[in-house]
């Protein structure tokens, strides 16, 4: 359960990225090393004392052609917009600066909880350097060293304490989905097309994150929630030019969704940002559907759909399990197929396999294709158990987890998908040594 979002802010060269890397465990937030997943250092997942939260590194947001202080202002505004808690990093070696005071005034106006980290306090002799930062008026400073890991645990404790209390799930029993993609790919048109076909909208529920409006509706006796990925309050060329800002918006929506619709533009084709946000949905373990919109504008013959499907499989190689739907929000073509497909993907994400049947499939797979030897040793799978859903997670109890090669894991995944479907959902396979 993700508790919330924290953002690291501060002027340049105070060590924000070092603290970010330290907190996420030097890329430990990456669950798997799947080829083709586009990653970025702007965000990570932190696990601390059984709690999980998302961490934003505002140092990763580059604002070209902006004056120095304007760049700081924009980064702080973005962080304040997105985060539940702000980690304000200052430099204990250089002392208090005008830029620090400028940021502190902005954070005070935000009324968001602020944790003040005085970085580069690498030994006890420098401990006295923190006291002048009381002048910022935003709480007690904590001495840290991003390089040596000193004080990081104290900062994480404060972050966890300052997260808002867990909210009651207003959507119990409803299927939650969102549409993500670049601007102007037709997300809003698709939502409108879905809702306009159905007049039984039951409520407009205020979103639990920022200013998004989530729409709850019914169709054929089932209840759904469309989680809005729009809701960007601030408009202007600078905001609209920050590609990564839209990724942050998508992150919050993905986190709260059961199924993610990655909307692609039939006019302009596939772009790098499409792969970026789709990769995040994959890593978050959500159900994924690739929705190729504006199909009515594509010049086509009887081969076009197959050709585009092949290209999508090449570009989104890590989403080979995701179904593809060619739609037109404008004409309504195949829009009515979206909800049944969302239902199917969600059902597979929640699918539990009986242990005896699961073990039969795994043992048959071993007999048909035994694991390869590695340095004279061969992997032995003694037993398999499904330990979680959404995404379905299979634990293999083996003689040595290091002998489970990526290619053999992929083979086992393919056999499980052949046997049980798992359409549209990530399938996680974990190897553990049998005690």
Protein backbone atom coordinates (compact mmCIF):
# COMPACT_ATOMS: atom_id res chain seq x y z
CA UNK A 1 0.00 0.00 0.00
CA UNK A 2 1.57 3.29 -1.10
CA UNK A 3 1.26 5.84 1.71
CA UNK A 4 1.81 8.93 -0.43
CA UNK A 5 4.32 11.02 -2.35
CA UNK A 6 7.33 12.90 -0.97
CA UNK A 7 9.42 15.34 -3.01
CA UNK A 8 13.00 16.49 -2.51
CA UNK A 9 13.53 20.21 -3.15
CA UNK A 10 16.41 22.62 -2.71
CA UNK A 11 18.75 24.83 -4.66
CA UNK A 12 21.28 23.24 -7.06
CA UNK A 13 24.30 21.34 -5.72
CA UNK A 14 23.03 20.69 -2.22
CA UNK A 15 23.04 16.91 -2.78
CA UNK A 16 19.39 16.23 -3.63
CA UNK A 17 20.14 13.41 -6.06
CA UNK A 18 22.59 11.75 -3.66
CA UNK A 19 19.91 11.68 -0.96
CA UNK A 20 17.35 10.45 -3.53
CA UNK A 21 19.63 7.56 -4.56
CA UNK A 22 20.33 6.72 -0.94
CA UNK A 23 16.62 6.61 -0.06
CA UNK A 24 15.53 4.43 -2.98
CA UNK A 25 18.52 2.14 -2.43
CA UNK A 26 20.51 2.92 -5.57
CA UNK A 27 17.81 1.85 -8.05
CA UNK A 28 16.38 -0.89 -5.82
CA UNK A 29 12.97 0.53 -6.72
CA UNK A 30 13.34 -1.19 -10.11
CA UNK A 31 11.54 -4.49 -9.68
CA UNK A 32 12.88 -6.23 -12.75
CA UNK A 33 15.43 -5.69 -15.46
CA UNK A 34 13.15 -6.26 -18.43
CA UNK A 35 14.54 -5.15 -21.80
CA UNK A 36 12.67 -2.27 -23.37
CA UNK A 37 11.37 -0.61 -20.20
CA UNK A 38 12.18 3.09 -20.37
CA UNK A 39 13.13 4.38 -16.93
CA UNK A 40 13.87 7.78 -15.49
CA UNK A 41 15.55 8.97 -12.34
CA UNK A 42 12.80 11.46 -11.56
CA UNK A 43 10.93 9.09 -9.24
CA UNK A 44 11.46 5.98 -7.17
CA UNK A 45 9.78 3.78 -4.59
CA UNK A 46 11.01 3.88 -0.99
CA UNK A 47 10.37 1.11 1.53
CA UNK A 48 10.87 2.08 5.17
CA UNK A 49 9.64 0.30 8.30
CA UNK A 50 7.04 -1.72 6.37
CA UNK A 51 5.76 1.49 4.72
CA UNK A 52 6.05 2.33 1.03
CA UNK A 53 5.94 5.74 -0.63
CA UNK A 54 6.89 7.42 -3.90
CA UNK A 55 9.82 9.82 -3.96
CA UNK A 56 10.26 12.61 -6.52
CA UNK A 57 13.70 14.01 -7.28
CA UNK A 58 13.02 17.53 -8.54
CA UNK A 59 16.66 17.72 -9.58
CA UNK A 60 15.59 15.40 -12.40
CA UNK A 61 13.29 18.05 -13.86
CA UNK A 62 15.34 20.22 -16.19
CA UNK A 63 13.86 23.57 -17.19
CA UNK A 64 15.67 24.86 -20.24
CA UNK A 65 16.24 28.59 -20.89
CA UNK A 66 14.98 29.66 -17.46
CA UNK A 67 16.70 32.16 -15.16
CA UNK A 68 18.31 30.47 -12.18
CA UNK A 69 15.80 31.52 -9.54
CA UNK A 70 12.89 30.92 -11.92
CA UNK A 71 14.12 27.35 -12.31
CA UNK A 72 14.11 26.89 -8.53
CA UNK A 73 10.63 28.39 -8.28
CA UNK A 74 9.19 26.06 -10.92
CA UNK A 75 10.75 22.98 -9.36
CA UNK A 76 9.35 23.86 -5.94
CA UNK A 77 5.89 24.54 -7.38
CA UNK A 78 5.86 21.20 -9.17
CA UNK A 79 6.91 19.39 -6.00
CA UNK A 80 4.35 21.22 -3.87
CA UNK A 81 1.64 20.41 -6.41
CA UNK A 82 2.36 16.70 -6.40
CA UNK A 83 3.70 15.83 -2.96
CA UNK A 84 2.12 15.11 0.42
CA UNK A 85 5.42 15.86 2.21
CA UNK A 86 8.38 18.05 1.14
CA UNK A 87 12.00 17.18 2.00
CA UNK A 88 13.86 20.51 1.90
CA UNK A 89 17.60 19.94 1.44
CA UNK A 90 20.16 22.63 2.34
CA UNK A 91 23.97 22.60 2.37
CA UNK A 92 25.52 22.47 5.85
CA UNK A 93 28.99 23.31 4.52
CA UNK A 94 27.97 26.48 2.73
CA UNK A 95 25.47 27.69 5.32
CA UNK A 96 22.25 29.63 4.87
CA UNK A 97 21.79 31.43 1.52
CA UNK A 98 19.27 33.81 0.01
CA UNK A 99 18.00 31.02 -2.25
CA UNK A 100 17.34 28.83 0.81
CA UNK A 101 15.28 31.63 2.36
CA UNK A 102 13.42 32.13 -0.93
CA UNK A 103 12.48 28.42 -1.07
CA UNK A 104 11.51 28.40 2.61
CA UNK A 105 9.02 31.26 2.07
CA UNK A 106 7.44 29.35 -0.83
CA UNK A 107 7.13 26.21 1.27
CA UNK A 108 5.57 28.12 4.15
CA UNK A 109 2.89 29.44 1.82
CA UNK A 110 2.18 25.92 0.55
CA UNK A 111 1.10 24.74 4.02
CA UNK A 112 2.49 21.30 3.18
CA UNK A 113 4.49 19.40 5.86
CA UNK A 114 8.22 20.14 5.43
CA UNK A 115 11.15 18.03 6.65
CA UNK A 116 14.38 20.06 6.77
CA UNK A 117 17.55 18.11 5.93
CA UNK A 118 20.92 19.81 6.40
CA UNK A 119 23.15 17.81 4.06
CA UNK A 120 26.93 17.37 3.92
CA UNK A 121 27.26 17.24 7.72
CA UNK A 122 29.77 14.41 7.45
CA UNK A 123 31.18 14.38 11.01
CA UNK A 124 30.36 15.45 14.57
CA UNK A 125 32.56 18.56 14.32
CA UNK A 126 30.17 19.95 11.69
CA UNK A 127 27.07 19.31 13.81
CA UNK A 128 26.97 22.93 15.00
CA UNK A 129 26.47 24.04 11.36
CA UNK A 130 22.80 23.11 11.49
CA UNK A 131 21.67 25.72 14.02
CA UNK A 132 21.57 28.73 11.70
CA UNK A 133 18.91 26.92 9.64
CA UNK A 134 16.42 27.47 12.48
CA UNK A 135 16.23 30.99 11.00
CA UNK A 136 14.24 29.54 8.06
CA UNK A 137 11.26 29.15 10.39
CA UNK A 138 10.11 25.79 9.03
CA UNK A 139 10.93 23.45 11.88
CA UNK A 140 13.85 21.58 13.39
CA UNK A 141 16.79 20.90 11.05
CA UNK A 142 18.21 17.37 10.91
CA UNK A 143 21.89 16.77 10.14
CA UNK A 144 22.40 14.29 7.29
CA UNK A 145 25.09 13.05 4.96
CA UNK A 146 23.79 11.70 1.68
CA UNK A 147 27.20 10.26 0.84
CA UNK A 148 27.67 8.40 4.14
CA UNK A 149 24.01 7.70 4.90
CA UNK A 150 24.07 9.58 8.21
CA UNK A 151 20.66 10.81 9.38
CA UNK A 152 18.74 9.38 6.40
CA UNK A 153 16.70 7.13 8.69
CA UNK A 154 15.71 10.12 10.84
CA UNK A 155 14.46 11.95 7.73
CA UNK A 156 12.49 8.90 6.58
CA UNK A 157 10.90 8.59 10.04
CA UNK A 158 9.73 12.20 9.83
CA UNK A 159 8.37 11.72 6.30
CA UNK A 160 6.30 8.70 7.37
CA UNK A 161 4.95 10.57 10.41
CA UNK A 162 3.87 13.52 8.25
CA UNK A 163 1.94 11.57 5.62
CA UNK A 164 -1.82 12.13 5.83
CA UNK A 165 -3.85 9.48 7.58
CA UNK A 166 -5.01 6.63 5.35
CA UNK A 167 -8.28 7.49 3.67
CA UNK A 168 -11.30 5.21 3.55
CA UNK A 169 -11.62 3.60 0.13
CA UNK A 170 -14.71 5.21 -1.39
CA UNK A 171 -14.49 2.81 -4.32
CA UNK A 172 -14.83 -0.54 -2.56
CA UNK A 173 -16.00 -3.15 -5.05
CA UNK A 174 -15.62 -0.82 -8.06
CA UNK A 175 -13.21 -1.37 -10.96
CA UNK A 176 -10.86 1.63 -11.15
CA UNK A 177 -9.18 2.53 -14.42
CA UNK A 178 -7.34 5.49 -15.89
CA UNK A 179 -6.29 6.64 -19.34
CA UNK A 180 -2.72 7.82 -19.74
CA UNK A 181 -0.81 9.12 -22.72
CA UNK A 182 0.62 12.22 -24.33
CA UNK A 183 -1.45 15.41 -24.66
CA UNK A 184 -3.97 15.36 -27.52
CA UNK A 185 -4.03 11.60 -28.04
CA UNK A 186 -7.76 11.64 -27.28
CA UNK A 187 -7.98 10.61 -23.61
CA UNK A 188 -10.77 13.07 -22.78
CA UNK A 189 -12.66 12.19 -25.95
CA UNK A 190 -12.51 8.51 -25.08
CA UNK A 191 -13.79 9.16 -21.56
CA UNK A 192 -16.61 11.30 -22.93
CA UNK A 193 -17.46 8.64 -25.50
CA UNK A 194 -17.61 6.02 -22.76
CA UNK A 195 -19.77 8.12 -20.46
CA UNK A 196 -22.04 9.55 -23.14
CA UNK A 197 -23.09 6.04 -24.09
CA UNK A 198 -24.29 5.54 -20.54
CA UNK A 199 -26.66 7.93 -18.78
CA UNK A 200 -26.46 6.32 -15.36
CA UNK A 201 -23.54 8.36 -13.97
CA UNK A 202 -24.07 7.93 -10.25
CA UNK A 203 -21.69 10.52 -8.80
CA UNK A 204 -18.86 12.95 -9.33
CA UNK A 205 -16.48 12.05 -6.51
CA UNK A 206 -13.71 14.45 -5.57
CA UNK A 207 -10.41 12.74 -6.24
CA UNK A 208 -8.27 11.58 -3.34
CA UNK A 209 -5.17 13.11 -4.88
CA UNK A 210 -4.77 16.77 -5.84
CA UNK A 211 -7.54 18.28 -7.94
CA UNK A 212 -8.43 15.40 -10.24
CA UNK A 213 -12.11 14.58 -10.50
CA UNK A 214 -12.90 10.86 -10.51
CA UNK A 215 -16.12 9.82 -12.22
CA UNK A 216 -18.05 6.84 -10.86
CA UNK A 217 -20.62 5.24 -13.19
CA UNK A 218 -22.55 2.03 -13.77
CA UNK A 219 -22.82 -0.20 -16.82
CA UNK A 220 -24.71 -3.47 -17.05
CA UNK A 221 -24.95 -3.72 -13.27
CA UNK A 222 -21.21 -3.18 -12.73
CA UNK A 223 -19.63 -0.15 -11.09
CA UNK A 224 -16.55 1.63 -12.45
CA UNK A 225 -14.44 4.67 -11.61
CA UNK A 226 -12.57 6.64 -14.28
CA UNK A 227 -9.60 8.29 -12.60
CA UNK A 228 -8.83 11.60 -14.26
CA UNK A 229 -5.19 12.20 -15.18
CA UNK A 230 -5.77 15.83 -16.12
CA UNK A 231 -6.34 18.40 -13.40
CA UNK A 232 -3.19 20.44 -13.98
CA UNK A 233 -4.05 23.66 -12.17
CA UNK A 234 -1.25 25.83 -13.47
CA UNK A 235 -1.19 26.59 -17.17
CA UNK A 236 1.54 28.16 -19.21
CA UNK A 237 4.28 27.41 -21.66
CA UNK A 238 6.76 26.35 -19.02
CA UNK A 239 4.48 23.75 -17.44
CA UNK A 240 3.24 22.43 -20.74
CA UNK A 241 6.81 22.09 -22.01
CA UNK A 242 7.88 19.84 -19.14
CA UNK A 243 7.34 16.35 -20.44
CA UNK A 244 8.21 14.88 -17.08
CA UNK A 245 5.52 16.88 -15.33
CA UNK A 246 2.83 14.95 -17.18
CA UNK A 247 4.58 11.75 -16.10
CA UNK A 248 4.15 12.82 -12.48
CA UNK A 249 0.46 13.41 -13.08
CA UNK A 250 0.13 9.96 -14.62
CA UNK A 251 1.97 8.34 -11.70
CA UNK A 252 -0.71 9.32 -9.19
CA UNK A 253 -3.52 8.04 -11.41
CA UNK A 254 -1.73 4.75 -12.17
CA UNK A 255 -1.12 4.15 -8.47
CA UNK A 256 -4.83 4.28 -7.69
CA UNK A 257 -6.01 2.26 -10.70
CA UNK A 258 -6.66 -1.43 -11.19
CA UNK A 259 -6.31 -1.20 -14.98
CA UNK A 260 -4.36 1.34 -17.04
CA UNK A 261 -5.33 2.24 -20.61
CA UNK A 262 -2.27 3.47 -22.50
CA UNK A 263 -3.79 5.66 -25.23
CA UNK A 264 -1.75 5.99 -28.45
CA UNK A 265 -2.32 8.44 -31.27
CA UNK A 266 -3.09 6.88 -34.65
CA UNK A 267 -2.19 10.19 -36.33
CA UNK A 268 1.31 10.67 -34.94
CA UNK A 269 2.31 7.11 -34.08
CA UNK A 270 4.41 5.93 -31.13
CA UNK A 271 6.66 8.36 -29.26
CA UNK A 272 9.27 7.83 -26.55
CA UNK A 273 6.99 9.29 -23.88
CA UNK A 274 4.36 6.63 -24.68
CA UNK A 275 6.88 3.95 -23.74
CA UNK A 276 7.91 5.91 -20.67
CA UNK A 277 4.48 6.05 -19.01
CA UNK A 278 3.56 2.54 -20.16
CA UNK A 279 6.76 1.28 -18.55
CA UNK A 280 5.70 2.81 -15.26
CA UNK A 281 2.32 1.05 -15.40
CA UNK A 282 4.16 -2.22 -16.08
CA UNK A 283 6.55 -1.73 -13.15
CA UNK A 284 3.65 -0.79 -10.85
CA UNK A 285 2.13 -4.20 -11.61
CA UNK A 286 -1.15 -2.85 -12.97
CA UNK A 287 -3.38 -4.36 -15.64
CA UNK A 288 -2.50 -2.75 -18.99
CA UNK A 289 -4.42 -2.30 -22.26
CA UNK A 290 -2.90 -0.60 -25.33
CA UNK A 291 -5.60 1.58 -26.92
CA UNK A 292 -4.75 2.75 -30.45
CA UNK A 293 -7.02 5.76 -30.91
CA UNK A 294 -8.03 7.78 -34.00
CA UNK A 295 -8.32 4.58 -36.04
CA UNK A 296 -10.78 6.40 -38.31
CA UNK A 297 -7.99 8.72 -39.53
CA UNK A 298 -5.53 5.94 -40.43
CA UNK A 299 -5.19 5.06 -44.11
CA UNK A 300 -5.49 1.29 -44.12
CA UNK A 301 -5.99 -1.90 -46.03
CA UNK A 302 -6.52 -5.48 -44.86
CA UNK A 303 -2.87 -5.70 -43.67
CA UNK A 304 -2.67 -2.43 -41.71
CA UNK A 305 -3.96 -3.71 -38.38
CA UNK A 306 -1.55 -6.67 -38.40
CA UNK A 307 1.37 -4.41 -39.35
CA UNK A 308 0.65 -1.92 -36.57
CA UNK A 309 0.13 -4.74 -34.06
CA UNK A 310 3.57 -6.12 -34.98
CA UNK A 311 5.15 -2.69 -34.56
CA UNK A 312 3.46 -2.19 -31.18
CA UNK A 313 4.79 -5.56 -30.00
CA UNK A 314 8.30 -4.52 -31.06
CA UNK A 315 8.12 -1.08 -29.41
CA UNK A 316 6.44 -2.32 -26.22
CA UNK A 317 8.32 -5.60 -25.94
CA UNK A 318 7.82 -5.72 -22.17
CA UNK A 319 4.02 -5.46 -22.63
CA UNK A 320 3.58 -8.54 -24.81
CA UNK A 321 0.83 -9.66 -22.41
CA UNK A 322 -1.23 -6.47 -22.96
CA UNK A 323 -4.22 -6.70 -25.33
CA UNK A 324 -4.42 -4.13 -28.14
CA UNK A 325 -7.66 -2.41 -29.11
CA UNK A 326 -8.04 -0.17 -32.19
CA UNK A 327 -10.69 2.47 -31.49
CA UNK A 328 -12.01 5.84 -32.60
CA UNK A 329 -13.34 8.12 -29.89
CA UNK A 330 -14.71 10.41 -32.60
CA UNK A 331 -16.80 7.81 -34.45
CA UNK A 332 -17.31 5.52 -31.44
CA UNK A 333 -15.74 2.56 -33.27
CA UNK A 334 -15.04 -0.29 -30.80
CA UNK A 335 -15.39 2.04 -27.79
CA UNK A 336 -18.09 -0.32 -26.49
CA UNK A 337 -15.42 -3.06 -26.35
CA UNK A 338 -13.35 -1.15 -23.76
CA UNK A 339 -15.31 -1.99 -20.61
CA UNK A 340 -15.59 -5.75 -21.30
CA UNK A 341 -11.83 -5.79 -21.94
CA UNK A 342 -11.18 -3.84 -18.72
CA UNK A 343 -13.30 -6.41 -16.86
CA UNK A 344 -11.35 -9.29 -18.40
CA UNK A 345 -7.95 -7.79 -17.54
CA UNK A 346 -9.06 -6.98 -13.99
CA UNK A 347 -10.37 -10.53 -13.50
CA UNK A 348 -7.04 -12.00 -14.61
CA UNK A 349 -5.14 -9.65 -12.26
CA UNK A 350 -7.21 -11.07 -9.37
CA UNK A 351 -7.01 -14.70 -10.52
CA UNK A 352 -5.88 -17.25 -7.92
CA UNK A 353 -4.65 -20.64 -9.08
CA UNK A 354 -5.16 -23.74 -6.95
CA UNK A 355 -1.81 -24.83 -5.57
CA UNK A 356 -2.00 -28.40 -6.88
CA UNK A 357 -2.90 -27.24 -10.40
CA UNK A 358 -0.16 -24.61 -10.35
CA UNK A 359 2.42 -27.23 -9.37
CA UNK A 360 1.27 -29.58 -12.12
CA UNK A 361 1.91 -26.88 -14.75
CA UNK A 362 5.33 -26.00 -13.28
CA UNK A 363 6.42 -29.65 -13.03
CA UNK A 364 5.22 -30.38 -16.59
CA UNK A 365 7.19 -27.36 -17.81
CA UNK A 366 10.35 -28.72 -16.12
CA UNK A 367 9.86 -32.14 -17.70
CA UNK A 368 9.33 -30.72 -21.18
CA UNK A 369 12.27 -28.31 -20.97
CA UNK A 370 14.64 -28.95 -18.03
CA UNK A 371 16.51 -25.90 -16.70
CA UNK A 372 19.97 -25.43 -18.24
CA UNK A 373 23.08 -26.17 -16.19
CA UNK A 374 25.17 -23.30 -14.88
CA UNK A 375 28.72 -23.97 -13.66
CA UNK A 376 27.86 -27.61 -13.26
CA UNK A 377 24.67 -26.96 -11.31
CA UNK A 378 21.05 -27.22 -12.39
CA UNK A 379 18.03 -25.40 -10.99
CA UNK A 380 15.58 -27.65 -9.14
CA UNK A 381 12.05 -26.40 -8.50
CA UNK A 382 10.56 -28.27 -5.56
CA UNK A 383 7.30 -26.45 -5.09
CA UNK A 384 5.34 -23.42 -6.31
CA UNK A 385 2.83 -21.23 -4.51
CA UNK A 386 0.82 -18.17 -5.50
CA UNK A 387 1.29 -15.60 -2.72
CA UNK A 388 -0.49 -12.52 -4.10
CA UNK A 389 -2.80 -11.09 -6.75
CA UNK A 390 -2.86 -7.74 -8.57
CA UNK A 391 -0.36 -8.63 -9.90
CA UNK A 392 -0.40 -12.42 -9.62
CA UNK A 393 2.83 -13.36 -7.84
CA UNK A 394 4.26 -16.90 -7.90
CA UNK A 395 6.99 -18.02 -5.50
CA UNK A 396 9.16 -20.94 -6.59
CA UNK A 397 10.94 -22.84 -3.81
CA UNK A 398 14.23 -23.96 -5.34
CA UNK A 399 17.68 -25.33 -4.50
CA UNK A 400 19.47 -22.07 -5.42
CA UNK A 401 17.64 -18.87 -6.51
CA UNK A 402 20.70 -17.64 -8.44
CA UNK A 403 20.25 -20.56 -10.88
CA UNK A 404 16.92 -19.18 -12.15
CA UNK A 405 18.12 -17.52 -15.34
CA UNK A 406 16.04 -14.75 -16.90
CA UNK A 407 15.43 -16.84 -20.04
CA UNK A 408 14.11 -19.81 -18.05
CA UNK A 409 11.95 -17.55 -15.93
CA UNK A 410 10.53 -16.17 -19.15
CA UNK A 411 9.87 -19.73 -20.36
CA UNK A 412 7.97 -20.54 -17.16
CA UNK A 413 5.96 -17.32 -17.47
CA UNK A 414 4.97 -18.26 -21.03
CA UNK A 415 3.83 -21.72 -19.89
CA UNK A 416 1.75 -20.18 -17.07
CA UNK A 417 0.14 -17.75 -19.51
CA UNK A 418 -0.64 -20.62 -21.91
CA UNK A 419 -2.30 -22.52 -19.07
CA UNK A 420 -4.15 -19.73 -17.26
CA UNK A 421 -4.31 -16.72 -19.58
CA UNK A 422 -3.27 -13.83 -17.33
CA UNK A 423 -4.23 -11.49 -20.19
CA UNK A 424 -3.28 -7.88 -19.60
CA UNK A 425 -1.57 -8.40 -16.26
CA UNK A 426 2.03 -8.52 -15.13
CA UNK A 427 3.06 -11.92 -13.79
CA UNK A 428 5.76 -11.91 -11.14
CA UNK A 429 7.89 -15.00 -10.48
CA UNK A 430 10.15 -15.02 -7.42
CA UNK A 431 12.65 -17.73 -6.56
CA UNK A 432 13.37 -18.59 -2.91
CA UNK A 433 15.66 -21.18 -1.43
CA UNK A 434 13.84 -24.08 0.19
CA UNK A 435 14.81 -24.16 3.85
